[in-house]
Amino acid sequence: MINLGSTEQVYSIELGTFFPHMRRRQLTTRNLAIDSNGLMSDPMCHRDLWKGTKAYFMAFVRWFKYKAQAKPRKFTRCINTPGHEYQWEYPEVHGRITEFLTAVFREKH
């Protein structure tokens, strides 16, 4: 969004922005930033380094286990960070995105 400047035709929805990137985030009326799934705090957004470290350590364990079973997975598919899931079925996620899209596209017509 920073690189796009004032381009009016582009909208964005950001889910669970990693905490080091928060300071560079450009929030405008054209983008929606969701930093919680409504069920629990997102450790990757809120700098919970203990939970983040634990998630990455366990991801390595899962990745190694799959590799040992001859069922290799990408490392990123092994990361499981509770709170950093943004499923459409979650009321907070669905509600905020629907409200944003309705507001943005209602203005355009």
N, C-alpha and C. Protein backbone atom coordinates (compact mmCIF):
# COMPACT_ATOMS: atom_id res chain seq x y z
N MET A 1 0.82 -1.20 0.00
CA MET A 1 0.00 0.00 0.00
C MET A 1 0.87 1.26 0.00
N ILE A 2 2.02 1.21 0.63
CA ILE A 2 2.92 2.36 0.63
C ILE A 2 3.36 2.68 -0.80
N ASN A 3 3.71 1.66 -1.57
CA ASN A 3 4.19 1.87 -2.93
C ASN A 3 3.08 2.34 -3.87
N LEU A 4 1.85 2.04 -3.56
CA LEU A 4 0.75 2.43 -4.43
C LEU A 4 0.36 3.89 -4.27
N GLY A 5 0.72 4.48 -3.14
CA GLY A 5 0.40 5.89 -2.91
C GLY A 5 -1.08 6.14 -2.87
N SER A 6 -1.54 7.04 -3.71
CA SER A 6 -2.96 7.43 -3.66
C SER A 6 -3.81 6.73 -4.71
N THR A 7 -3.39 5.58 -5.18
CA THR A 7 -4.18 4.83 -6.15
C THR A 7 -5.52 4.47 -5.51
N GLU A 8 -6.58 4.97 -6.06
CA GLU A 8 -7.91 4.80 -5.46
C GLU A 8 -8.58 3.47 -5.79
N GLN A 9 -8.09 2.75 -6.79
CA GLN A 9 -8.75 1.52 -7.23
C GLN A 9 -8.29 0.28 -6.46
N VAL A 10 -7.32 0.41 -5.58
CA VAL A 10 -6.75 -0.76 -4.90
C VAL A 10 -7.14 -0.74 -3.42
N TYR A 11 -7.61 -1.89 -2.95
CA TYR A 11 -7.98 -2.07 -1.54
C TYR A 11 -7.21 -3.27 -1.01
N SER A 12 -7.01 -3.31 0.29
CA SER A 12 -6.31 -4.46 0.85
C SER A 12 -6.91 -4.87 2.18
N ILE A 13 -6.73 -6.14 2.49
CA ILE A 13 -7.12 -6.70 3.77
C ILE A 13 -5.89 -7.41 4.31
N GLU A 14 -5.42 -6.97 5.48
CA GLU A 14 -4.24 -7.57 6.10
C GLU A 14 -4.67 -8.39 7.31
N LEU A 15 -4.21 -9.62 7.35
CA LEU A 15 -4.56 -10.51 8.46
C LEU A 15 -3.29 -10.91 9.21
N GLY A 16 -3.23 -10.59 10.48
CA GLY A 16 -2.14 -11.04 11.33
C GLY A 16 -0.78 -10.54 10.91
N THR A 17 -0.61 -9.24 10.80
CA THR A 17 0.67 -8.67 10.41
C THR A 17 1.73 -8.99 11.46
N PHE A 18 2.85 -9.51 11.03
CA PHE A 18 3.97 -9.87 11.90
C PHE A 18 4.49 -8.60 12.57
N PHE A 19 4.71 -8.64 13.88
CA PHE A 19 5.00 -7.42 14.66
C PHE A 19 6.15 -6.55 14.14
N PRO A 20 7.24 -7.08 13.57
CA PRO A 20 8.27 -6.17 13.07
C PRO A 20 7.79 -5.29 11.91
N HIS A 21 6.75 -5.72 11.22
CA HIS A 21 6.24 -4.97 10.06
C HIS A 21 5.18 -3.94 10.46
N MET A 22 4.75 -3.94 11.69
CA MET A 22 3.69 -3.02 12.13
C MET A 22 4.08 -1.56 11.92
N ARG A 23 5.32 -1.21 12.19
CA ARG A 23 5.72 0.20 12.10
C ARG A 23 5.71 0.71 10.66
N ARG A 24 5.84 -0.20 9.69
CA ARG A 24 5.82 0.20 8.28
C ARG A 24 4.42 0.15 7.67
N ARG A 25 3.48 -0.34 8.42
CA ARG A 25 2.13 -0.52 7.89
C ARG A 25 1.49 0.82 7.62
N GLN A 26 0.88 0.95 6.46
CA GLN A 26 0.21 2.17 6.03
C GLN A 26 -1.29 1.94 6.09
N LEU A 27 -1.96 2.49 7.09
CA LEU A 27 -3.40 2.30 7.22
C LEU A 27 -4.13 3.51 6.64
N THR A 28 -5.07 3.21 5.74
CA THR A 28 -5.91 4.24 5.14
C THR A 28 -7.34 3.72 5.13
N THR A 29 -8.23 4.48 4.54
CA THR A 29 -9.61 4.02 4.41
C THR A 29 -9.74 2.92 3.37
N ARG A 30 -8.66 2.67 2.62
CA ARG A 30 -8.68 1.65 1.57
C ARG A 30 -8.16 0.30 2.03
N ASN A 31 -7.76 0.20 3.30
CA ASN A 31 -7.31 -1.11 3.76
C ASN A 31 -7.84 -1.41 5.16
N LEU A 32 -8.00 -2.69 5.40
CA LEU A 32 -8.48 -3.20 6.67
C LEU A 32 -7.37 -4.05 7.27
N ALA A 33 -7.03 -3.77 8.52
CA ALA A 33 -6.01 -4.56 9.22
C ALA A 33 -6.69 -5.27 10.39
N ILE A 34 -6.60 -6.58 10.39
CA ILE A 34 -7.16 -7.40 11.46
C ILE A 34 -6.01 -8.07 12.18
N ASP A 35 -5.87 -7.79 13.47
CA ASP A 35 -4.76 -8.32 14.25
C ASP A 35 -5.21 -9.30 15.32
N SER A 36 -6.44 -9.74 15.23
CA SER A 36 -6.95 -10.76 16.16
C SER A 36 -8.07 -11.50 15.46
N ASN A 37 -8.15 -12.79 15.68
CA ASN A 37 -9.21 -13.57 15.05
C ASN A 37 -10.50 -13.54 15.87
N GLY A 38 -10.48 -12.83 17.00
CA GLY A 38 -11.66 -12.71 17.84
C GLY A 38 -11.79 -13.81 18.87
N LEU A 39 -11.00 -14.86 18.73
CA LEU A 39 -11.07 -15.98 19.67
C LEU A 39 -9.93 -15.93 20.68
N MET A 40 -8.76 -15.52 20.21
CA MET A 40 -7.60 -15.42 21.10
C MET A 40 -6.61 -14.43 20.51
N SER A 41 -5.72 -13.96 21.33
CA SER A 41 -4.71 -13.00 20.91
C SER A 41 -3.74 -13.65 19.91
N ASP A 42 -3.33 -12.89 18.92
CA ASP A 42 -2.39 -13.38 17.92
C ASP A 42 -0.97 -13.08 18.40
N PRO A 43 -0.21 -14.10 18.78
CA PRO A 43 1.13 -13.85 19.31
C PRO A 43 2.08 -13.24 18.29
N MET A 44 1.85 -13.46 17.01
CA MET A 44 2.74 -12.93 15.99
C MET A 44 2.53 -11.42 15.79
N CYS A 45 1.35 -10.93 16.12
CA CYS A 45 1.07 -9.49 16.03
C CYS A 45 1.46 -8.76 17.30
N HIS A 46 1.26 -9.42 18.41
CA HIS A 46 1.39 -8.76 19.71
C HIS A 46 2.70 -9.07 20.42
N ARG A 47 3.69 -9.49 19.66
CA ARG A 47 5.06 -9.69 20.16
C ARG A 47 5.16 -10.66 21.34
N ASP A 48 4.41 -11.73 21.26
CA ASP A 48 4.52 -12.78 22.28
C ASP A 48 5.64 -13.72 21.82
N LEU A 49 6.85 -13.34 22.16
CA LEU A 49 8.02 -14.06 21.65
C LEU A 49 8.10 -15.50 22.14
N TRP A 50 7.60 -15.77 23.34
CA TRP A 50 7.63 -17.14 23.86
C TRP A 50 6.76 -18.05 22.98
N LYS A 51 5.52 -17.64 22.71
CA LYS A 51 4.64 -18.47 21.88
C LYS A 51 5.16 -18.59 20.46
N GLY A 52 5.71 -17.52 19.94
CA GLY A 52 6.26 -17.56 18.58
C GLY A 52 7.45 -18.51 18.48
N THR A 53 8.35 -18.43 19.45
CA THR A 53 9.52 -19.32 19.46
C THR A 53 9.09 -20.77 19.60
N LYS A 54 8.14 -21.01 20.49
CA LYS A 54 7.63 -22.37 20.70
C LYS A 54 7.01 -22.92 19.40
N ALA A 55 6.24 -22.08 18.70
CA ALA A 55 5.60 -22.51 17.46
C ALA A 55 6.65 -22.90 16.41
N TYR A 56 7.71 -22.12 16.29
CA TYR A 56 8.74 -22.42 15.29
C TYR A 56 9.56 -23.64 15.69
N PHE A 57 9.83 -23.82 16.98
CA PHE A 57 10.54 -25.01 17.43
C PHE A 57 9.72 -26.26 17.13
N MET A 58 8.42 -26.22 17.46
CA MET A 58 7.54 -27.36 17.21
C MET A 58 7.38 -27.60 15.71
N ALA A 59 7.44 -26.55 14.91
CA ALA A 59 7.36 -26.71 13.46
C ALA A 59 8.55 -27.51 12.95
N PHE A 60 9.73 -27.23 13.50
CA PHE A 60 10.90 -28.00 13.11
C PHE A 60 10.71 -29.47 13.48
N VAL A 61 10.17 -29.75 14.66
CA VAL A 61 9.92 -31.13 15.09
C VAL A 61 8.94 -31.81 14.12
N ARG A 62 7.84 -31.13 13.78
CA ARG A 62 6.86 -31.69 12.83
C ARG A 62 7.49 -31.92 11.47
N TRP A 63 8.24 -30.93 10.98
CA TRP A 63 8.89 -31.03 9.68
C TRP A 63 9.81 -32.25 9.64
N PHE A 64 10.61 -32.43 10.68
CA PHE A 64 11.54 -33.56 10.74
C PHE A 64 10.77 -34.89 10.80
N LYS A 65 9.69 -34.91 11.57
CA LYS A 65 8.87 -36.13 11.68
C LYS A 65 8.30 -36.53 10.32
N TYR A 66 7.74 -35.55 9.58
CA TYR A 66 7.21 -35.85 8.25
C TYR A 66 8.31 -36.35 7.31
N LYS A 67 9.46 -35.72 7.39
CA LYS A 67 10.57 -36.13 6.53
C LYS A 67 11.01 -37.56 6.87
N ALA A 68 11.07 -37.90 8.15
CA ALA A 68 11.46 -39.24 8.58
C ALA A 68 10.44 -40.29 8.14
N GLN A 69 9.17 -39.89 8.00
CA GLN A 69 8.12 -40.81 7.56
C GLN A 69 8.01 -40.86 6.04
N ALA A 70 8.93 -40.21 5.35
CA ALA A 70 8.93 -40.12 3.89
C ALA A 70 7.67 -39.45 3.36
N LYS A 71 7.15 -38.49 4.14
CA LYS A 71 6.00 -37.68 3.73
C LYS A 71 6.39 -36.20 3.89
N PRO A 72 7.39 -35.74 3.13
CA PRO A 72 7.90 -34.39 3.35
C PRO A 72 6.85 -33.31 3.16
N ARG A 73 6.95 -32.29 3.99
CA ARG A 73 6.08 -31.11 3.94
C ARG A 73 6.96 -29.88 3.89
N LYS A 74 6.45 -28.81 3.34
CA LYS A 74 7.16 -27.54 3.40
C LYS A 74 7.21 -27.10 4.87
N PHE A 75 8.30 -26.51 5.27
CA PHE A 75 8.46 -26.08 6.66
C PHE A 75 7.31 -25.15 7.08
N THR A 76 6.93 -24.23 6.20
CA THR A 76 5.87 -23.28 6.57
C THR A 76 4.53 -23.97 6.83
N ARG A 77 4.32 -25.15 6.26
CA ARG A 77 3.08 -25.90 6.51
C ARG A 77 3.10 -26.59 7.86
N CYS A 78 4.24 -26.61 8.50
CA CYS A 78 4.37 -27.26 9.81
C CYS A 78 4.20 -26.27 10.97
N ILE A 79 4.16 -24.99 10.67
CA ILE A 79 4.03 -23.98 11.72
C ILE A 79 2.57 -23.91 12.17
N ASN A 80 2.36 -24.07 13.45
CA ASN A 80 1.02 -23.99 14.03
C ASN A 80 1.08 -23.02 15.20
N THR A 81 0.61 -21.80 14.99
CA THR A 81 0.63 -20.78 16.02
C THR A 81 -0.81 -20.45 16.42
N PRO A 82 -1.29 -21.02 17.54
CA PRO A 82 -2.66 -20.72 17.98
C PRO A 82 -2.88 -19.21 18.11
N GLY A 83 -3.95 -18.74 17.52
CA GLY A 83 -4.27 -17.32 17.51
C GLY A 83 -3.90 -16.65 16.20
N HIS A 84 -3.04 -17.29 15.41
CA HIS A 84 -2.62 -16.71 14.14
C HIS A 84 -3.37 -17.35 12.97
N GLU A 85 -4.53 -17.92 13.27
CA GLU A 85 -5.39 -18.46 12.22
C GLU A 85 -6.54 -17.49 12.01
N TYR A 86 -6.81 -17.16 10.77
CA TYR A 86 -7.87 -16.23 10.43
C TYR A 86 -8.84 -16.92 9.47
N GLN A 87 -9.70 -17.75 10.03
CA GLN A 87 -10.66 -18.52 9.24
C GLN A 87 -11.91 -17.68 8.96
N TRP A 88 -12.47 -17.85 7.79
CA TRP A 88 -13.69 -17.14 7.41
C TRP A 88 -14.83 -17.45 8.39
N GLU A 89 -14.84 -18.64 8.95
CA GLU A 89 -15.91 -19.06 9.85
C GLU A 89 -15.88 -18.34 11.19
N TYR A 90 -14.78 -17.69 11.53
CA TYR A 90 -14.69 -16.96 12.79
C TYR A 90 -15.52 -15.68 12.69
N PRO A 91 -16.47 -15.46 13.60
CA PRO A 91 -17.35 -14.30 13.52
C PRO A 91 -16.62 -12.96 13.41
N GLU A 92 -15.55 -12.78 14.14
CA GLU A 92 -14.81 -11.52 14.10
C GLU A 92 -14.20 -11.28 12.71
N VAL A 93 -13.62 -12.31 12.15
CA VAL A 93 -12.99 -12.20 10.83
C VAL A 93 -14.05 -11.95 9.76
N HIS A 94 -15.05 -12.79 9.72
CA HIS A 94 -16.12 -12.68 8.73
C HIS A 94 -16.83 -11.34 8.85
N GLY A 95 -17.16 -10.95 10.07
CA GLY A 95 -17.89 -9.71 10.30
C GLY A 95 -17.12 -8.48 9.87
N ARG A 96 -15.86 -8.39 10.26
CA ARG A 96 -15.07 -7.20 9.93
C ARG A 96 -14.81 -7.09 8.43
N ILE A 97 -14.54 -8.22 7.78
CA ILE A 97 -14.29 -8.17 6.33
C ILE A 97 -15.57 -7.81 5.59
N THR A 98 -16.67 -8.41 5.98
CA THR A 98 -17.95 -8.11 5.33
C THR A 98 -18.32 -6.64 5.51
N GLU A 99 -18.15 -6.12 6.71
CA GLU A 99 -18.44 -4.69 6.97
C GLU A 99 -17.56 -3.79 6.11
N PHE A 100 -16.28 -4.11 6.03
CA PHE A 100 -15.34 -3.31 5.24
C PHE A 100 -15.74 -3.31 3.77
N LEU A 101 -15.99 -4.48 3.21
CA LEU A 101 -16.34 -4.56 1.79
C LEU A 101 -17.66 -3.87 1.50
N THR A 102 -18.62 -4.03 2.39
CA THR A 102 -19.92 -3.38 2.21
C THR A 102 -19.75 -1.86 2.23
N ALA A 103 -19.00 -1.35 3.19
CA ALA A 103 -18.79 0.10 3.30
C ALA A 103 -18.05 0.64 2.08
N VAL A 104 -17.01 -0.03 1.66
CA VAL A 104 -16.20 0.45 0.54
C VAL A 104 -16.99 0.44 -0.75
N PHE A 105 -17.69 -0.64 -1.04
CA PHE A 105 -18.37 -0.74 -2.32
C PHE A 105 -19.74 -0.08 -2.33
N ARG A 106 -20.30 0.19 -1.17
CA ARG A 106 -21.53 0.97 -1.11
C ARG A 106 -21.23 2.43 -1.49
N GLU A 107 -20.06 2.95 -1.07
CA GLU A 107 -19.66 4.30 -1.41
C GLU A 107 -19.46 4.48 -2.90
N LYS A 108 -19.00 3.46 -3.58
CA LYS A 108 -18.66 3.55 -4.99
C LYS A 108 -19.89 3.64 -5.90
N HIS A 109 -21.03 3.19 -5.41
CA HIS A 109 -22.23 3.19 -6.26
C HIS A 109 -23.09 4.34 -5.96
